[in-house]
N, C-alpha and C. Protein backbone atom coordinates (compact mmCIF):
# COMPACT_ATOMS: atom_id res chain seq x y z
N UNK A 1 -81.82 24.37 43.00
CA UNK A 1 -80.85 24.20 41.93
C UNK A 1 -79.87 23.08 42.29
N UNK A 2 -79.48 23.03 43.56
CA UNK A 2 -78.53 22.01 44.01
C UNK A 2 -79.06 20.61 43.72
N UNK A 3 -80.28 20.35 44.10
CA UNK A 3 -80.87 19.02 43.89
C UNK A 3 -80.99 18.72 42.40
N UNK A 4 -81.40 19.72 41.63
CA UNK A 4 -81.53 19.54 40.19
C UNK A 4 -80.19 19.16 39.58
N UNK A 5 -79.13 19.88 39.95
CA UNK A 5 -77.80 19.59 39.41
C UNK A 5 -77.34 18.21 39.87
N UNK A 6 -77.57 17.86 41.13
CA UNK A 6 -77.19 16.52 41.61
C UNK A 6 -77.86 15.44 40.76
N UNK A 7 -79.13 15.62 40.46
CA UNK A 7 -79.84 14.63 39.64
C UNK A 7 -79.28 14.59 38.22
N UNK A 8 -78.94 15.74 37.67
CA UNK A 8 -78.40 15.79 36.31
C UNK A 8 -77.01 15.17 36.22
N UNK A 9 -76.15 15.45 37.20
CA UNK A 9 -74.78 14.92 37.12
C UNK A 9 -74.76 13.40 37.28
N UNK A 10 -75.79 12.84 37.88
CA UNK A 10 -75.89 11.38 37.97
C UNK A 10 -75.97 10.74 36.58
N UNK A 11 -76.51 11.49 35.62
CA UNK A 11 -76.66 10.94 34.27
C UNK A 11 -75.47 11.26 33.37
N UNK A 12 -74.48 12.01 33.88
CA UNK A 12 -73.28 12.26 33.08
C UNK A 12 -72.56 10.95 32.85
N UNK A 13 -71.88 10.81 31.73
CA UNK A 13 -71.05 9.61 31.52
C UNK A 13 -70.01 9.52 32.64
N UNK A 14 -69.64 8.30 32.97
CA UNK A 14 -68.74 8.08 34.09
C UNK A 14 -67.46 8.91 34.00
N UNK A 15 -66.92 9.05 32.81
CA UNK A 15 -65.67 9.80 32.64
C UNK A 15 -65.84 11.28 32.99
N UNK A 16 -67.03 11.82 32.81
CA UNK A 16 -67.30 13.24 33.10
C UNK A 16 -67.93 13.43 34.49
N UNK A 17 -68.56 12.40 35.01
CA UNK A 17 -69.21 12.50 36.31
C UNK A 17 -68.21 12.81 37.41
N UNK A 18 -67.01 12.25 37.29
CA UNK A 18 -66.02 12.42 38.34
C UNK A 18 -65.07 13.57 38.06
N UNK A 19 -65.29 14.31 37.01
CA UNK A 19 -64.50 15.52 36.76
C UNK A 19 -65.43 16.72 36.83
N UNK A 20 -66.17 16.95 35.78
CA UNK A 20 -67.07 18.10 35.74
C UNK A 20 -68.20 17.95 36.76
N UNK A 21 -68.82 16.80 36.81
CA UNK A 21 -69.95 16.59 37.71
C UNK A 21 -69.57 16.77 39.17
N UNK A 22 -68.49 16.16 39.59
CA UNK A 22 -68.05 16.26 40.98
C UNK A 22 -67.65 17.69 41.33
N UNK A 23 -66.96 18.34 40.43
CA UNK A 23 -66.53 19.73 40.66
C UNK A 23 -67.75 20.64 40.80
N UNK A 24 -68.73 20.45 39.94
CA UNK A 24 -69.95 21.24 39.99
C UNK A 24 -70.69 21.03 41.32
N UNK A 25 -70.81 19.79 41.72
CA UNK A 25 -71.48 19.48 42.99
C UNK A 25 -70.73 20.11 44.17
N UNK A 26 -69.40 19.99 44.18
CA UNK A 26 -68.61 20.55 45.28
C UNK A 26 -68.72 22.07 45.34
N UNK A 27 -68.72 22.72 44.18
CA UNK A 27 -68.88 24.17 44.16
C UNK A 27 -70.24 24.60 44.70
N UNK A 28 -71.28 23.87 44.33
CA UNK A 28 -72.61 24.19 44.83
C UNK A 28 -72.70 24.00 46.34
N UNK A 29 -72.11 22.93 46.84
CA UNK A 29 -72.12 22.71 48.29
C UNK A 29 -71.32 23.80 49.01
N UNK A 30 -70.19 24.19 48.44
CA UNK A 30 -69.38 25.26 49.01
C UNK A 30 -70.17 26.57 49.00
N UNK A 31 -70.87 26.83 47.92
CA UNK A 31 -71.68 28.04 47.80
C UNK A 31 -72.75 28.08 48.89
N UNK A 32 -73.43 26.98 49.10
CA UNK A 32 -74.49 26.94 50.10
C UNK A 32 -73.91 27.12 51.50
N UNK A 33 -72.76 26.49 51.75
CA UNK A 33 -72.10 26.66 53.04
C UNK A 33 -71.69 28.10 53.28
N UNK A 34 -71.20 28.75 52.25
CA UNK A 34 -70.78 30.15 52.38
C UNK A 34 -71.98 31.06 52.61
N UNK A 35 -73.09 30.78 51.95
CA UNK A 35 -74.30 31.57 52.16
C UNK A 35 -74.77 31.43 53.61
N UNK A 36 -74.68 30.23 54.16
CA UNK A 36 -75.08 30.02 55.55
C UNK A 36 -74.17 30.80 56.51
N UNK A 37 -72.90 30.96 56.16
CA UNK A 37 -71.96 31.69 57.01
C UNK A 37 -72.22 33.19 57.03
N UNK A 38 -72.89 33.71 56.02
CA UNK A 38 -73.15 35.15 55.94
C UNK A 38 -73.82 35.68 57.20
N UNK A 39 -74.69 34.88 57.76
CA UNK A 39 -75.45 35.31 58.95
C UNK A 39 -74.52 35.60 60.13
N UNK A 40 -73.39 34.90 60.20
CA UNK A 40 -72.52 34.99 61.37
C UNK A 40 -71.22 35.74 61.11
N UNK A 41 -71.05 36.29 59.92
CA UNK A 41 -69.80 36.93 59.53
C UNK A 41 -69.89 38.45 59.72
N UNK A 42 -68.83 39.01 60.30
CA UNK A 42 -68.79 40.47 60.47
C UNK A 42 -68.45 41.16 59.15
N UNK A 43 -67.44 40.67 58.45
CA UNK A 43 -67.02 41.27 57.19
C UNK A 43 -67.75 40.57 56.04
N UNK A 44 -68.98 40.98 55.85
CA UNK A 44 -69.83 40.33 54.84
C UNK A 44 -69.36 40.59 53.42
N UNK A 45 -68.73 41.73 53.17
CA UNK A 45 -68.32 42.10 51.81
C UNK A 45 -67.38 41.06 51.22
N UNK A 46 -66.36 40.66 51.97
CA UNK A 46 -65.41 39.67 51.45
C UNK A 46 -66.11 38.35 51.13
N UNK A 47 -66.99 37.92 52.01
CA UNK A 47 -67.68 36.65 51.79
C UNK A 47 -68.64 36.74 50.61
N UNK A 48 -69.29 37.87 50.45
CA UNK A 48 -70.22 38.03 49.32
C UNK A 48 -69.46 37.99 47.99
N UNK A 49 -68.28 38.62 47.95
CA UNK A 49 -67.48 38.58 46.72
C UNK A 49 -66.96 37.17 46.46
N UNK A 50 -66.64 36.44 47.53
CA UNK A 50 -66.23 35.03 47.39
C UNK A 50 -67.40 34.22 46.81
N UNK A 51 -68.59 34.42 47.34
CA UNK A 51 -69.78 33.73 46.86
C UNK A 51 -70.01 34.04 45.38
N UNK A 52 -69.85 35.30 45.02
CA UNK A 52 -70.03 35.71 43.62
C UNK A 52 -69.03 35.01 42.71
N UNK A 53 -67.78 34.91 43.15
CA UNK A 53 -66.77 34.25 42.31
C UNK A 53 -67.06 32.75 42.17
N UNK A 54 -67.51 32.12 43.25
CA UNK A 54 -67.86 30.69 43.18
C UNK A 54 -69.05 30.48 42.25
N UNK A 55 -70.00 31.41 42.31
CA UNK A 55 -71.16 31.29 41.44
C UNK A 55 -70.76 31.45 39.98
N UNK A 56 -69.80 32.32 39.70
CA UNK A 56 -69.29 32.46 38.33
C UNK A 56 -68.65 31.15 37.86
N UNK A 57 -67.94 30.47 38.75
CA UNK A 57 -67.35 29.16 38.40
C UNK A 57 -68.44 28.14 38.09
N UNK A 58 -69.51 28.17 38.87
CA UNK A 58 -70.63 27.24 38.65
C UNK A 58 -71.23 27.49 37.27
N UNK A 59 -71.48 28.74 36.94
CA UNK A 59 -72.05 29.07 35.63
C UNK A 59 -71.13 28.63 34.50
N UNK A 60 -69.84 28.81 34.69
CA UNK A 60 -68.88 28.38 33.67
C UNK A 60 -68.92 26.86 33.48
N UNK A 61 -68.97 26.12 34.58
CA UNK A 61 -69.04 24.65 34.46
C UNK A 61 -70.35 24.19 33.83
N UNK A 62 -71.43 24.90 34.10
CA UNK A 62 -72.70 24.56 33.45
C UNK A 62 -72.60 24.80 31.94
N UNK A 63 -71.94 25.89 31.56
CA UNK A 63 -71.75 26.17 30.13
C UNK A 63 -70.86 25.12 29.49
N UNK A 64 -69.81 24.72 30.18
CA UNK A 64 -68.94 23.66 29.67
C UNK A 64 -69.73 22.36 29.53
N UNK A 65 -70.58 22.07 30.50
CA UNK A 65 -71.41 20.86 30.44
C UNK A 65 -72.34 20.88 29.24
N UNK A 66 -72.89 22.05 28.96
CA UNK A 66 -73.74 22.19 27.78
C UNK A 66 -72.93 22.01 26.50
N UNK A 67 -71.79 22.70 26.43
CA UNK A 67 -70.94 22.61 25.23
C UNK A 67 -70.43 21.19 24.99
N UNK A 68 -70.22 20.44 26.07
CA UNK A 68 -69.74 19.06 25.96
C UNK A 68 -70.91 18.09 25.74
N UNK A 69 -72.10 18.65 25.56
CA UNK A 69 -73.31 17.86 25.31
C UNK A 69 -73.69 16.95 26.49
N UNK A 70 -73.34 17.40 27.69
CA UNK A 70 -73.74 16.69 28.90
C UNK A 70 -75.10 17.17 29.38
N UNK A 71 -75.47 18.38 28.96
CA UNK A 71 -76.79 18.94 29.25
C UNK A 71 -77.48 19.26 27.93
N UNK A 72 -78.75 18.93 27.87
CA UNK A 72 -79.52 19.27 26.67
C UNK A 72 -79.80 20.77 26.64
N UNK A 73 -80.24 21.23 25.50
CA UNK A 73 -80.59 22.65 25.36
C UNK A 73 -81.68 23.03 26.35
N UNK A 74 -82.67 22.16 26.50
CA UNK A 74 -83.77 22.42 27.42
C UNK A 74 -83.28 22.47 28.86
N UNK A 75 -82.43 21.52 29.24
CA UNK A 75 -81.89 21.50 30.60
C UNK A 75 -81.04 22.73 30.87
N UNK A 76 -80.23 23.11 29.91
CA UNK A 76 -79.37 24.27 30.08
C UNK A 76 -80.22 25.53 30.22
N UNK A 77 -81.25 25.65 29.41
CA UNK A 77 -82.16 26.79 29.52
C UNK A 77 -82.85 26.84 30.87
N UNK A 78 -83.24 25.66 31.34
CA UNK A 78 -83.92 25.57 32.63
C UNK A 78 -83.00 26.03 33.76
N UNK A 79 -81.76 25.55 33.77
CA UNK A 79 -80.84 25.90 34.85
C UNK A 79 -80.42 27.37 34.75
N UNK A 80 -80.43 27.93 33.56
CA UNK A 80 -80.11 29.36 33.42
C UNK A 80 -81.14 30.24 34.10
N UNK A 81 -82.40 29.79 34.17
CA UNK A 81 -83.40 30.58 34.90
C UNK A 81 -83.04 30.63 36.38
N UNK A 82 -82.58 29.52 36.93
CA UNK A 82 -82.09 29.51 38.31
C UNK A 82 -80.90 30.45 38.45
N UNK A 83 -79.98 30.38 37.51
CA UNK A 83 -78.77 31.21 37.57
C UNK A 83 -79.13 32.69 37.53
N UNK A 84 -80.09 33.07 36.71
CA UNK A 84 -80.50 34.47 36.64
C UNK A 84 -81.05 34.94 37.99
N UNK A 85 -81.90 34.14 38.60
CA UNK A 85 -82.48 34.51 39.89
C UNK A 85 -81.41 34.61 40.97
N UNK A 86 -80.54 33.63 41.03
CA UNK A 86 -79.48 33.62 42.05
C UNK A 86 -78.52 34.78 41.81
N UNK A 87 -78.19 35.04 40.56
CA UNK A 87 -77.30 36.16 40.23
C UNK A 87 -77.88 37.49 40.68
N UNK A 88 -79.18 37.68 40.49
CA UNK A 88 -79.83 38.91 40.95
C UNK A 88 -79.77 39.03 42.47
N UNK A 89 -79.95 37.92 43.16
CA UNK A 89 -79.88 37.94 44.62
C UNK A 89 -78.47 38.30 45.09
N UNK A 90 -77.48 37.69 44.47
CA UNK A 90 -76.08 37.98 44.84
C UNK A 90 -75.75 39.43 44.52
N UNK A 91 -76.17 39.90 43.37
CA UNK A 91 -75.95 41.30 42.99
C UNK A 91 -76.58 42.27 43.97
N UNK A 92 -77.78 41.96 44.41
CA UNK A 92 -78.46 42.80 45.40
C UNK A 92 -77.72 42.80 46.74
N UNK A 93 -77.21 41.64 47.11
CA UNK A 93 -76.48 41.56 48.37
C UNK A 93 -75.17 42.33 48.27
N UNK A 94 -74.51 42.28 47.11
CA UNK A 94 -73.27 43.05 46.91
C UNK A 94 -73.56 44.54 47.09
N UNK A 95 -74.64 45.00 46.50
CA UNK A 95 -75.00 46.42 46.61
C UNK A 95 -75.27 46.79 48.08
N UNK A 96 -75.88 45.89 48.82
CA UNK A 96 -76.23 46.23 50.21
C UNK A 96 -75.02 46.25 51.14
N UNK A 97 -73.95 45.55 50.81
CA UNK A 97 -72.78 45.55 51.69
C UNK A 97 -71.73 46.59 51.28
N UNK A 98 -71.95 47.24 50.16
CA UNK A 98 -70.97 48.25 49.72
C UNK A 98 -71.29 49.61 50.30
């Protein structure tokens, strides 16, 4: 999903690439970094909830991108399949740490 979003934000208009596009990319990188930290963290619950909140921000920015016509209907549908899968994984991890 990260690579797909990076490729899509490259095609955003310049005015949106450095606001929505950059924020989306930074959130995804932060998310991946946080997932990597899970392996070494004792208090996994706090980190998993942080990951979940960042993922909610990513989904919101994707929706804003669609509403602003930066993503086509097909692209938005495609990325939502990734979001569904990732959301299920995060949900499962939340259940396992509670």
